[in-house]
PDB file of N, CA and C in Angstrom:
ATOM      1  N   MET A   1      25.946 -31.590 129.643  1.00  0.00           N
ATOM      2  CA  MET A   1      26.719 -30.593 128.945  1.00  0.00           C
ATOM      3  C   MET A   1      28.013 -31.179 128.389  1.00  0.00           C
ATOM      4  N   GLY A   2      28.289 -32.422 128.645  1.00  0.00           N
ATOM      5  CA  GLY A   2      29.504 -33.034 128.141  1.00  0.00           C
ATOM      6  C   GLY A   2      29.541 -33.190 126.631  1.00  0.00           C
ATOM      7  N   GLN A   3      28.437 -32.938 125.966  1.00  0.00           N
ATOM      8  CA  GLN A   3      28.366 -33.101 124.520  1.00  0.00           C
ATOM      9  C   GLN A   3      28.584 -31.812 123.755  1.00  0.00           C
ATOM     10  N   VAL A   4      28.900 -30.725 124.452  1.00  0.00           N
ATOM     11  CA  VAL A   4      29.089 -29.437 123.786  1.00  0.00           C
ATOM     12  C   VAL A   4      30.446 -28.848 124.146  1.00  0.00           C
ATOM     13  N   ALA A   5      30.944 -27.987 123.288  1.00  0.00           N
ATOM     14  CA  ALA A   5      32.209 -27.312 123.553  1.00  0.00           C
ATOM     15  C   ALA A   5      32.011 -26.121 124.475  1.00  0.00           C
ATOM     16  N   GLY A   6      30.821 -25.546 124.479  1.00  0.00           N
ATOM     17  CA  GLY A   6      30.551 -24.402 125.334  1.00  0.00           C
ATOM     18  C   GLY A   6      29.146 -23.889 125.130  1.00  0.00           C
ATOM     19  N   VAL A   7      28.674 -23.153 126.116  1.00  0.00           N
ATOM     20  CA  VAL A   7      27.356 -22.524 126.035  1.00  0.00           C
ATOM     21  C   VAL A   7      27.560 -21.040 126.276  1.00  0.00           C
ATOM     22  N   ARG A   8      27.038 -20.240 125.394  1.00  0.00           N
ATOM     23  CA  ARG A   8      27.202 -18.792 125.501  1.00  0.00           C
ATOM     24  C   ARG A   8      25.828 -18.143 125.401  1.00  0.00           C
ATOM     25  N   ARG A   9      25.565 -17.171 126.259  1.00  0.00           N
ATOM     26  CA  ARG A   9      24.301 -16.444 126.261  1.00  0.00           C
ATOM     27  C   ARG A   9      24.574 -14.967 126.398  1.00  0.00           C
ATOM     28  N   PHE A  10      23.817 -14.169 125.685  1.00  0.00           N
ATOM     29  CA  PHE A  10      23.952 -12.720 125.781  1.00  0.00           C
ATOM     30  C   PHE A  10      22.755 -12.064 126.436  1.00  0.00           C
ATOM     31  N   GLY A  11      21.777 -12.858 126.872  1.00  0.00           N
ATOM     32  CA  GLY A  11      20.668 -12.315 127.642  1.00  0.00           C
ATOM     33  C   GLY A  11      19.465 -11.856 126.846  1.00  0.00           C
ATOM     34  N   ALA A  12      19.486 -11.995 125.542  1.00  0.00           N
ATOM     35  CA  ALA A  12      18.345 -11.608 124.709  1.00  0.00           C
ATOM     36  C   ALA A  12      18.061 -12.720 123.713  1.00  0.00           C
ATOM     37  N   ALA A  13      16.923 -13.389 123.893  1.00  0.00           N
ATOM     38  CA  ALA A  13      16.583 -14.500 123.012  1.00  0.00           C
ATOM     39  C   ALA A  13      16.515 -14.058 121.553  1.00  0.00           C
ATOM     40  N   ALA A  14      16.017 -12.865 121.291  1.00  0.00           N
ATOM     41  CA  ALA A  14      15.920 -12.371 119.912  1.00  0.00           C
ATOM     42  C   ALA A  14      17.306 -12.292 119.274  1.00  0.00           C
ATOM     43  N   LEU A  15      18.288 -11.818 120.013  1.00  0.00           N
ATOM     44  CA  LEU A  15      19.650 -11.744 119.498  1.00  0.00           C
ATOM     45  C   LEU A  15      20.234 -13.136 119.295  1.00  0.00           C
ATOM     46  N   ASP A  16      20.026 -14.028 120.250  1.00  0.00           N
ATOM     47  CA  ASP A  16      20.535 -15.395 120.118  1.00  0.00           C
ATOM     48  C   ASP A  16      19.941 -16.092 118.895  1.00  0.00           C
ATOM     49  N   LEU A  17      18.653 -15.916 118.663  1.00  0.00           N
ATOM     50  CA  LEU A  17      18.010 -16.517 117.489  1.00  0.00           C
ATOM     51  C   LEU A  17      18.545 -15.902 116.194  1.00  0.00           C
ATOM     52  N   ALA A  18      18.736 -14.595 116.183  1.00  0.00           N
ATOM     53  CA  ALA A  18      19.288 -13.945 114.991  1.00  0.00           C
ATOM     54  C   ALA A  18      20.693 -14.455 114.706  1.00  0.00           C
ATOM     55  N   TRP A  19      21.454 -14.737 115.750  1.00  0.00           N
ATOM     56  CA  TRP A  19      22.805 -15.239 115.550  1.00  0.00           C
ATOM     57  C   TRP A  19      22.808 -16.688 115.060  1.00  0.00           C
ATOM     58  N   VAL A  20      21.790 -17.454 115.393  1.00  0.00           N
ATOM     59  CA  VAL A  20      21.648 -18.792 114.801  1.00  0.00           C
ATOM     60  C   VAL A  20      21.402 -18.635 113.301  1.00  0.00           C
ATOM     61  N   ALA A  21      20.515 -17.732 112.930  1.00  0.00           N
ATOM     62  CA  ALA A  21      20.215 -17.496 111.512  1.00  0.00           C
ATOM     63  C   ALA A  21      21.453 -17.045 110.751  1.00  0.00           C
ATOM     64  N   ALA A  22      22.293 -16.237 111.391  1.00  0.00           N
ATOM     65  CA  ALA A  22      23.497 -15.712 110.738  1.00  0.00           C
ATOM     66  C   ALA A  22      24.647 -16.717 110.739  1.00  0.00           C
ATOM     67  N   GLY A  23      24.505 -17.804 111.489  1.00  0.00           N
ATOM     68  CA  GLY A  23      25.567 -18.791 111.566  1.00  0.00           C
ATOM     69  C   GLY A  23      26.602 -18.514 112.640  1.00  0.00           C
ATOM     70  N   ARG A  24      26.391 -17.519 113.459  1.00  0.00           N
ATOM     71  CA  ARG A  24      27.326 -17.221 114.560  1.00  0.00           C
ATOM     72  C   ARG A  24      27.156 -18.203 115.708  1.00  0.00           C
ATOM     73  N   PHE A  25      25.921 -18.674 115.932  1.00  0.00           N
ATOM     74  CA  PHE A  25      25.632 -19.734 116.894  1.00  0.00           C
ATOM     75  C   PHE A  25      25.200 -20.952 116.093  1.00  0.00           C
ATOM     76  N   ASP A  26      25.559 -22.134 116.560  1.00  0.00           N
ATOM     77  CA  ASP A  26      25.132 -23.370 115.902  1.00  0.00           C
ATOM     78  C   ASP A  26      23.715 -23.758 116.292  1.00  0.00           C
ATOM     79  N   GLY A  27      23.314 -23.432 117.502  1.00  0.00           N
ATOM     80  CA  GLY A  27      21.981 -23.782 117.960  1.00  0.00           C
ATOM     81  C   GLY A  27      21.599 -22.984 119.183  1.00  0.00           C
ATOM     82  N   PHE A  28      20.326 -23.087 119.551  1.00  0.00           N
ATOM     83  CA  PHE A  28      19.793 -22.330 120.680  1.00  0.00           C
ATOM     84  C   PHE A  28      18.560 -23.040 121.197  1.00  0.00           C
ATOM     85  N   TRP A  29      18.387 -23.043 122.521  1.00  0.00           N
ATOM     86  CA  TRP A  29      17.156 -23.516 123.144  1.00  0.00           C
ATOM     87  C   TRP A  29      16.907 -22.701 124.401  1.00  0.00           C
ATOM     88  N   GLU A  30      15.647 -22.503 124.699  1.00  0.00           N
ATOM     89  CA  GLU A  30      15.300 -21.795 125.930  1.00  0.00           C
ATOM     90  C   GLU A  30      13.819 -21.921 126.204  1.00  0.00           C
ATOM     91  N   ALA A  31      13.468 -21.869 127.478  1.00  0.00           N
ATOM     92  CA  ALA A  31      12.084 -21.803 127.949  1.00  0.00           C
ATOM     93  C   ALA A  31      12.134 -21.295 129.378  1.00  0.00           C
ATOM     94  N   PRO A  32      11.167 -20.597 129.841  1.00  0.00           N
ATOM     95  CA  PRO A  32      10.021 -20.079 129.100  1.00  0.00           C
ATOM     96  C   PRO A  32      10.327 -18.716 128.483  1.00  0.00           C
ATOM     97  N   LEU A  33       9.793 -18.491 127.324  1.00  0.00           N
ATOM     98  CA  LEU A  33       9.927 -17.211 126.624  1.00  0.00           C
ATOM     99  C   LEU A  33       8.538 -16.655 126.319  1.00  0.00           C
ATOM    100  N   LYS A  34       8.470 -15.375 126.134  1.00  0.00           N
ATOM    101  CA  LYS A  34       7.241 -14.728 125.684  1.00  0.00           C
ATOM    102  C   LYS A  34       7.273 -14.646 124.157  1.00  0.00           C
ATOM    103  N   PRO A  35       6.104 -14.588 123.514  1.00  0.00           N
ATOM    104  CA  PRO A  35       6.070 -14.526 122.049  1.00  0.00           C
ATOM    105  C   PRO A  35       6.910 -13.395 121.472  1.00  0.00           C
ATOM    106  N   TRP A  36       6.914 -12.228 122.110  1.00  0.00           N
ATOM    107  CA  TRP A  36       7.670 -11.099 121.574  1.00  0.00           C
ATOM    108  C   TRP A  36       9.179 -11.315 121.681  1.00  0.00           C
ATOM    109  N   ASP A  37       9.610 -12.262 122.514  1.00  0.00           N
ATOM    110  CA  ASP A  37      11.033 -12.568 122.625  1.00  0.00           C
ATOM    111  C   ASP A  37      11.547 -13.418 121.474  1.00  0.00           C
ATOM    112  N   MET A  38      10.637 -14.106 120.782  1.00  0.00           N
ATOM    113  CA  MET A  38      11.097 -15.059 119.772  1.00  0.00           C
ATOM    114  C   MET A  38      10.467 -14.901 118.386  1.00  0.00           C
ATOM    115  N   ALA A  39       9.419 -14.119 118.232  1.00  0.00           N
ATOM    116  CA  ALA A  39       8.690 -14.055 116.957  1.00  0.00           C
ATOM    117  C   ALA A  39       9.588 -13.661 115.783  1.00  0.00           C
ATOM    118  N   ALA A  40      10.304 -12.571 115.913  1.00  0.00           N
ATOM    119  CA  ALA A  40      11.164 -12.124 114.808  1.00  0.00           C
ATOM    120  C   ALA A  40      12.288 -13.118 114.556  1.00  0.00           C
ATOM    121  N   GLY A  41      12.869 -13.658 115.620  1.00  0.00           N
ATOM    122  CA  GLY A  41      13.956 -14.622 115.472  1.00  0.00           C
ATOM    123  C   GLY A  41      13.519 -15.880 114.748  1.00  0.00           C
ATOM    124  N   ILE A  42      12.319 -16.357 115.037  1.00  0.00           N
ATOM    125  CA  ILE A  42      11.787 -17.537 114.347  1.00  0.00           C
ATOM    126  C   ILE A  42      11.659 -17.260 112.857  1.00  0.00           C
ATOM    127  N   ALA A  43      11.109 -16.110 112.508  1.00  0.00           N
ATOM    128  CA  ALA A  43      10.945 -15.747 111.091  1.00  0.00           C
ATOM    129  C   ALA A  43      12.305 -15.640 110.398  1.00  0.00           C
ATOM    130  N   ILE A  44      13.267 -15.020 111.051  1.00  0.00           N
ATOM    131  CA  ILE A  44      14.591 -14.845 110.451  1.00  0.00           C
ATOM    132  C   ILE A  44      15.270 -16.193 110.241  1.00  0.00           C
ATOM    133  N   ILE A  45      15.199 -17.071 111.226  1.00  0.00           N
ATOM    134  CA  ILE A  45      15.823 -18.397 111.080  1.00  0.00           C
ATOM    135  C   ILE A  45      15.184 -19.174 109.945  1.00  0.00           C
ATOM    136  N   ARG A  46      13.876 -19.164 109.869  1.00  0.00           N
ATOM    137  CA  ARG A  46      13.199 -19.911 108.795  1.00  0.00           C
ATOM    138  C   ARG A  46      13.532 -19.334 107.424  1.00  0.00           C
ATOM    139  N   GLU A  47      13.612 -18.026 107.318  1.00  0.00           N
ATOM    140  CA  GLU A  47      13.987 -17.402 106.041  1.00  0.00           C
ATOM    141  C   GLU A  47      15.422 -17.753 105.647  1.00  0.00           C
ATOM    142  N   ALA A  48      16.272 -17.968 106.644  1.00  0.00           N
ATOM    143  CA  ALA A  48      17.674 -18.318 106.383  1.00  0.00           C
ATOM    144  C   ALA A  48      17.852 -19.812 106.102  1.00  0.00           C
ATOM    145  N   GLY A  49      16.771 -20.600 106.201  1.00  0.00           N
ATOM    146  CA  GLY A  49      16.845 -22.027 105.924  1.00  0.00           C
ATOM    147  C   GLY A  49      17.075 -22.883 107.150  1.00  0.00           C
ATOM    148  N   GLY A  50      16.978 -22.281 108.347  1.00  0.00           N
ATOM    149  CA  GLY A  50      17.161 -23.030 109.581  1.00  0.00           C
ATOM    150  C   GLY A  50      15.873 -23.657 110.061  1.00  0.00           C
ATOM    151  N   PHE A  51      15.968 -24.350 111.178  1.00  0.00           N
ATOM    152  CA  PHE A  51      14.838 -25.076 111.741  1.00  0.00           C
ATOM    153  C   PHE A  51      14.545 -24.578 113.143  1.00  0.00           C
ATOM    154  N   VAL A  52      13.262 -24.394 113.444  1.00  0.00           N
ATOM    155  CA  VAL A  52      12.821 -23.923 114.750  1.00  0.00           C
ATOM    156  C   VAL A  52      11.592 -24.722 115.151  1.00  0.00           C
ATOM    157  N   SER A  53      11.550 -25.148 116.416  1.00  0.00           N
ATOM    158  CA  SER A  53      10.380 -25.873 116.911  1.00  0.00           C
ATOM    159  C   SER A  53      10.265 -25.669 118.417  1.00  0.00           C
ATOM    160  N   ASP A  54       9.194 -26.257 118.978  1.00  0.00           N
ATOM    161  CA  ASP A  54       9.103 -26.336 120.431  1.00  0.00           C
ATOM    162  C   ASP A  54       9.912 -27.552 120.882  1.00  0.00           C
ATOM    163  N   TYR A  55       9.883 -27.886 122.153  1.00  0.00           N
ATOM    164  CA  TYR A  55      10.705 -28.982 122.669  1.00  0.00           C
ATOM    165  C   TYR A  55      10.271 -30.362 122.188  1.00  0.00           C
ATOM    166  N   ARG A  56       9.072 -30.474 121.646  1.00  0.00           N
ATOM    167  CA  ARG A  56       8.582 -31.753 121.121  1.00  0.00           C
ATOM    168  C   ARG A  56       8.687 -31.841 119.606  1.00  0.00           C
ATOM    169  N   GLY A  57       9.267 -30.839 118.987  1.00  0.00           N
ATOM    170  CA  GLY A  57       9.393 -30.832 117.532  1.00  0.00           C
ATOM    171  C   GLY A  57       8.200 -30.233 116.822  1.00  0.00           C
ATOM    172  N   GLY A  58       7.271 -29.678 117.569  1.00  0.00           N
ATOM    173  CA  GLY A  58       6.065 -29.082 117.002  1.00  0.00           C
ATOM    174  C   GLY A  58       6.223 -27.599 116.717  1.00  0.00           C
ATOM    175  N   ASP A  59       5.095 -26.979 116.425  1.00  0.00           N
ATOM    176  CA  ASP A  59       5.091 -25.573 116.022  1.00  0.00           C
ATOM    177  C   ASP A  59       4.311 -24.706 117.013  1.00  0.00           C
ATOM    178  N   THR A  60       4.415 -25.035 118.309  1.00  0.00           N
ATOM    179  CA  THR A  60       3.650 -24.296 119.318  1.00  0.00           C
ATOM    180  C   THR A  60       4.526 -23.355 120.143  1.00  0.00           C
ATOM    181  N   MET A  61       5.608 -22.870 119.577  1.00  0.00           N
ATOM    182  CA  MET A  61       6.545 -22.036 120.326  1.00  0.00           C
ATOM    183  C   MET A  61       5.852 -20.826 120.955  1.00  0.00           C
ATOM    184  N   MET A  62       4.956 -20.200 120.224  1.00  0.00           N
ATOM    185  CA  MET A  62       4.324 -18.968 120.697  1.00  0.00           C
ATOM    186  C   MET A  62       3.416 -19.212 121.900  1.00  0.00           C
ATOM    187  N   THR A  63       2.842 -20.387 122.037  1.00  0.00           N
ATOM    188  CA  THR A  63       1.988 -20.675 123.190  1.00  0.00           C
ATOM    189  C   THR A  63       2.724 -21.445 124.282  1.00  0.00           C
ATOM    190  N   SER A  64       3.667 -22.299 123.900  1.00  0.00           N
ATOM    191  CA  SER A  64       4.394 -23.088 124.907  1.00  0.00           C
ATOM    192  C   SER A  64       5.531 -22.302 125.539  1.00  0.00           C
ATOM    193  N   GLY A  65       6.077 -21.335 124.812  1.00  0.00           N
ATOM    194  CA  GLY A  65       7.217 -20.576 125.305  1.00  0.00           C
ATOM    195  C   GLY A  65       8.536 -21.306 125.165  1.00  0.00           C
ATOM    196  N   GLU A  66       8.522 -22.476 124.538  1.00  0.00           N
ATOM    197  CA  GLU A  66       9.727 -23.280 124.328  1.00  0.00           C
ATOM    198  C   GLU A  66      10.233 -23.082 122.906  1.00  0.00           C
ATOM    199  N   VAL A  67      11.556 -22.980 122.752  1.00  0.00           N
ATOM    200  CA  VAL A  67      12.108 -22.847 121.409  1.00  0.00           C
ATOM    201  C   VAL A  67      13.420 -23.612 121.327  1.00  0.00           C
ATOM    202  N   VAL A  68      13.571 -24.334 120.222  1.00  0.00           N
ATOM    203  CA  VAL A  68      14.809 -25.026 119.864  1.00  0.00           C
ATOM    204  C   VAL A  68      15.112 -24.625 118.436  1.00  0.00           C
ATOM    205  N   ALA A  69      16.321 -24.157 118.175  1.00  0.00           N
ATOM    206  CA  ALA A  69      16.676 -23.676 116.843  1.00  0.00           C
ATOM    207  C   ALA A  69      18.048 -24.197 116.443  1.00  0.00           C
ATOM    208  N   GLY A  70      18.196 -24.464 115.161  1.00  0.00           N
ATOM    209  CA  GLY A  70      19.485 -24.904 114.645  1.00  0.00           C
ATOM    210  C   GLY A  70      19.406 -25.213 113.173  1.00  0.00           C
ATOM    211  N   ASN A  71      20.489 -25.758 112.634  1.00  0.00           N
ATOM    212  CA  ASN A  71      20.495 -26.168 111.225  1.00  0.00           C
ATOM    213  C   ASN A  71      19.884 -27.563 111.095  1.00  0.00           C
ATOM    214  N   SER A  72      19.880 -28.107 109.883  1.00  0.00           N
ATOM    215  CA  SER A  72      19.208 -29.385 109.639  1.00  0.00           C
ATOM    216  C   SER A  72      19.828 -30.539 110.423  1.00  0.00           C
ATOM    217  N   VAL A  73      21.099 -30.486 110.696  1.00  0.00           N
ATOM    218  CA  VAL A  73      21.770 -31.542 111.448  1.00  0.00           C
ATOM    219  C   VAL A  73      21.611 -31.340 112.953  1.00  0.00           C
ATOM    220  N   LEU A  74      21.853 -30.155 113.426  1.00  0.00           N
ATOM    221  CA  LEU A  74      21.894 -29.892 114.856  1.00  0.00           C
ATOM    222  C   LEU A  74      20.515 -29.804 115.503  1.00  0.00           C
ATOM    223  N   HIS A  75      19.524 -29.349 114.776  1.00  0.00           N
ATOM    224  CA  HIS A  75      18.192 -29.180 115.364  1.00  0.00           C
ATOM    225  C   HIS A  75      17.680 -30.485 115.957  1.00  0.00           C
ATOM    226  N   GLY A  76      17.757 -31.562 115.227  1.00  0.00           N
ATOM    227  CA  GLY A  76      17.294 -32.854 115.728  1.00  0.00           C
ATOM    228  C   GLY A  76      18.068 -33.332 116.944  1.00  0.00           C
ATOM    229  N   LYS A  77      19.356 -33.094 116.958  1.00  0.00           N
ATOM    230  CA  LYS A  77      20.174 -33.479 118.102  1.00  0.00           C
ATOM    231  C   LYS A  77      19.820 -32.660 119.340  1.00  0.00           C
ATOM    232  N   LEU A  78      19.588 -31.362 119.160  1.00  0.00           N
ATOM    233  CA  LEU A  78      19.175 -30.540 120.284  1.00  0.00           C
ATOM    234  C   LEU A  78      17.817 -30.982 120.827  1.00  0.00           C
ATOM    235  N   LEU A  79      16.906 -31.354 119.926  1.00  0.00           N
ATOM    236  CA  LEU A  79      15.601 -31.830 120.380  1.00  0.00           C
ATOM    237  C   LEU A  79      15.758 -33.059 121.269  1.00  0.00           C
ATOM    238  N   GLY A  80      16.636 -33.963 120.861  1.00  0.00           N
ATOM    239  CA  GLY A  80      16.874 -35.156 121.666  1.00  0.00           C
ATOM    240  C   GLY A  80      17.400 -34.827 123.049  1.00  0.00           C
ATOM    241  N   LEU A  81      18.209 -33.803 123.148  1.00  0.00           N
ATOM    242  CA  LEU A  81      18.763 -33.410 124.438  1.00  0.00           C
ATOM    243  C   LEU A  81      17.744 -32.725 125.335  1.00  0.00           C
ATOM    244  N   VAL A  82      16.928 -31.835 124.777  1.00  0.00           N
ATOM    245  CA  VAL A  82      15.959 -31.121 125.617  1.00  0.00           C
ATOM    246  C   VAL A  82      14.775 -31.995 125.995  1.00  0.00           C
ATOM    247  N   LYS A  83      14.483 -33.011 125.203  1.00  0.00           N
ATOM    248  CA  LYS A  83      13.411 -33.940 125.554  1.00  0.00           C
ATOM    249  C   LYS A  83      13.801 -34.772 126.767  1.00  0.00           C
ATOM    250  N   GLY A  84      15.120 -34.922 126.970  1.00  0.00           N
ATOM    251  CA  GLY A  84      15.633 -35.617 128.131  1.00  0.00           C
ATOM    252  C   GLY A  84      15.680 -37.056 127.910  1.00  0.00           C
TER     253      GLY A  84
END
């Protein structure tokens, strides 16, 4: 966590993803999630020009329950962190 200024959570993945799309959050990651927790947020982020993937950079969020979201710069950096 030494690489971030802070981590904030409001308890609803759908809200956190929507806030990434709106630019209120720079990025978001979480697992395990259910498809209904992230489906709308994934669509909103992609429509806003953001990036969303599973922890390996793939497109299996709905089956893996893993989600990483951010802009073009931050998404790749978050992937590197969650991959360990």
